[in-house]
Protein backbone atom coordinates (compact mmCIF):
# COMPACT_ATOMS: atom_id res chain seq x y z
CA MET A 1 143.57 93.75 106.75
CA ASN A 2 140.92 91.37 107.49
CA PRO A 3 137.37 92.63 108.04
CA LEU A 4 136.45 93.23 111.62
CA ASP A 5 134.27 90.57 113.42
CA GLN A 6 131.59 91.71 115.68
CA ILE A 7 129.89 91.19 119.09
CA THR A 8 126.47 92.39 119.36
CA ILE A 9 124.40 92.45 122.65
CA THR A 10 120.60 93.26 122.49
CA GLY A 11 118.02 94.29 125.02
CA LEU A 12 120.10 95.45 127.92
CA ARG A 13 118.02 97.08 130.39
CA ALA A 14 118.75 100.08 132.83
CA LYS A 15 116.52 102.32 134.82
CA ALA A 16 117.73 106.00 134.65
CA HIS A 17 116.56 109.37 135.22
CA HIS A 18 117.36 111.02 131.85
CA GLY A 19 114.90 113.57 130.01
CA VAL A 20 113.84 117.18 129.76
CA PHE A 21 110.51 116.59 131.41
CA ASP A 22 110.24 116.71 135.34
CA GLU A 23 108.42 113.50 135.48
CA GLU A 24 111.14 111.71 133.52
CA ARG A 25 113.76 113.02 135.83
CA ARG A 26 111.60 112.45 138.95
CA ASN A 27 110.43 108.93 138.34
CA GLY A 28 112.86 107.63 135.91
CA GLN A 29 112.28 105.43 133.10
CA LEU A 30 113.35 102.21 131.59
CA PHE A 31 116.08 102.47 128.85
CA ILE A 32 116.64 99.59 126.44
CA VAL A 33 120.11 99.40 124.83
CA ASP A 34 121.76 97.42 122.03
CA VAL A 35 125.42 97.53 121.03
CA THR A 36 127.63 96.34 118.26
CA VAL A 37 131.43 96.23 118.64
CA SER A 38 133.80 95.39 115.95
CA LEU A 39 137.24 93.99 116.67
CA ASP A 40 139.57 91.64 115.08
CA PHE A 41 139.08 88.24 116.72
CA SER A 42 141.86 86.26 114.85
CA LYS A 43 144.32 86.41 117.60
CA ALA A 44 141.87 85.73 120.48
CA ALA A 45 140.50 82.73 118.49
CA ALA A 46 143.94 81.22 117.85
CA SER A 47 145.15 81.56 121.25
CA ASP A 48 141.68 80.83 122.99
CA ASP A 49 142.61 84.09 125.29
CA LEU A 50 139.85 85.95 126.74
CA GLY A 51 142.11 88.90 127.27
CA LEU A 52 142.48 89.33 123.37
CA THR A 53 138.91 90.05 123.00
CA ILE A 54 135.86 91.55 124.56
CA HIS A 55 134.37 89.91 127.56
CA TYR A 56 130.65 90.17 126.92
CA GLY A 57 129.73 90.37 130.61
CA GLU A 58 132.08 93.37 131.34
CA LEU A 59 130.94 95.03 128.15
CA ALA A 60 127.26 94.62 129.52
CA GLU A 61 128.02 96.06 132.74
CA GLU A 62 129.86 99.04 131.29
CA VAL A 63 126.97 99.83 128.93
CA ILE A 64 124.34 99.65 131.67
CA ALA A 65 126.62 101.95 134.00
CA ALA A 66 126.88 104.36 131.12
CA VAL A 67 123.15 104.54 130.69
CA GLU A 68 122.74 104.67 134.68
CA SER A 69 125.35 107.36 135.33
CA ASP A 70 124.61 111.21 135.60
CA PRO A 71 121.20 112.33 134.31
CA VAL A 72 121.28 114.33 131.12
CA ASP A 73 118.49 115.84 129.06
CA LEU A 74 119.16 114.21 125.61
CA ILE A 75 118.94 110.63 124.80
CA GLU A 76 121.53 111.38 122.22
CA THR A 77 123.98 112.05 125.07
CA VAL A 78 122.97 108.73 126.61
CA ALA A 79 123.66 106.93 123.15
CA GLU A 80 126.91 108.82 122.96
CA ARG A 81 128.11 107.32 126.36
CA VAL A 82 126.91 103.75 125.43
CA ALA A 83 129.02 103.93 122.12
CA CYS A 84 132.21 105.02 124.09
CA PRO A 85 132.37 103.24 127.49
CA PRO A 86 135.84 102.16 128.64
CA ARG A 87 136.87 98.67 127.70
CA SER A 88 139.59 96.40 128.58
CA ALA A 89 140.29 95.27 124.80
CA THR A 90 140.37 97.81 122.04
CA GLY A 91 137.43 97.63 120.12
CA HIS A 92 135.31 99.86 117.95
CA CYS A 93 131.62 100.54 118.70
CA ASP A 94 130.00 100.24 115.21
CA ALA A 95 126.46 100.95 116.53
CA ALA A 96 124.55 101.73 119.62
CA GLN A 97 120.95 102.06 120.04
CA ALA A 98 119.43 103.59 123.44
CA GLY A 99 115.70 104.05 123.82
CA SER A 100 112.65 104.14 126.09
CA PRO A 101 109.86 101.97 125.08
CA ASP A 102 107.63 105.09 125.94
CA ARG A 103 109.58 107.79 123.97
CA GLY A 104 111.49 106.17 121.10
CA CYS A 105 115.25 105.54 120.64
CA VAL A 106 118.34 107.09 119.02
CA ARG A 107 120.80 105.02 117.09
């Protein structure tokens, strides 16, 4: 088996209302997200077929939607959502980091 290739997107920004404090829920805060997805790109590269890989733009939109969805208390829950968004191509999310510049981050 070939080692998996990776797509990394860094610095995605989303405003959301997560947190345990009233002010976080009321005012919302900026979340900055980095995500790395692993996938064998050999078939996509050989055929030049976007359908056999992960579309960067769609992945970014799905990650932002995962962050902006229903408010939760824990940033760990947000990171788990980011790590497991639905994707059209089968990929494995190796790493997800979600955080707020004011409150820290979770990997």
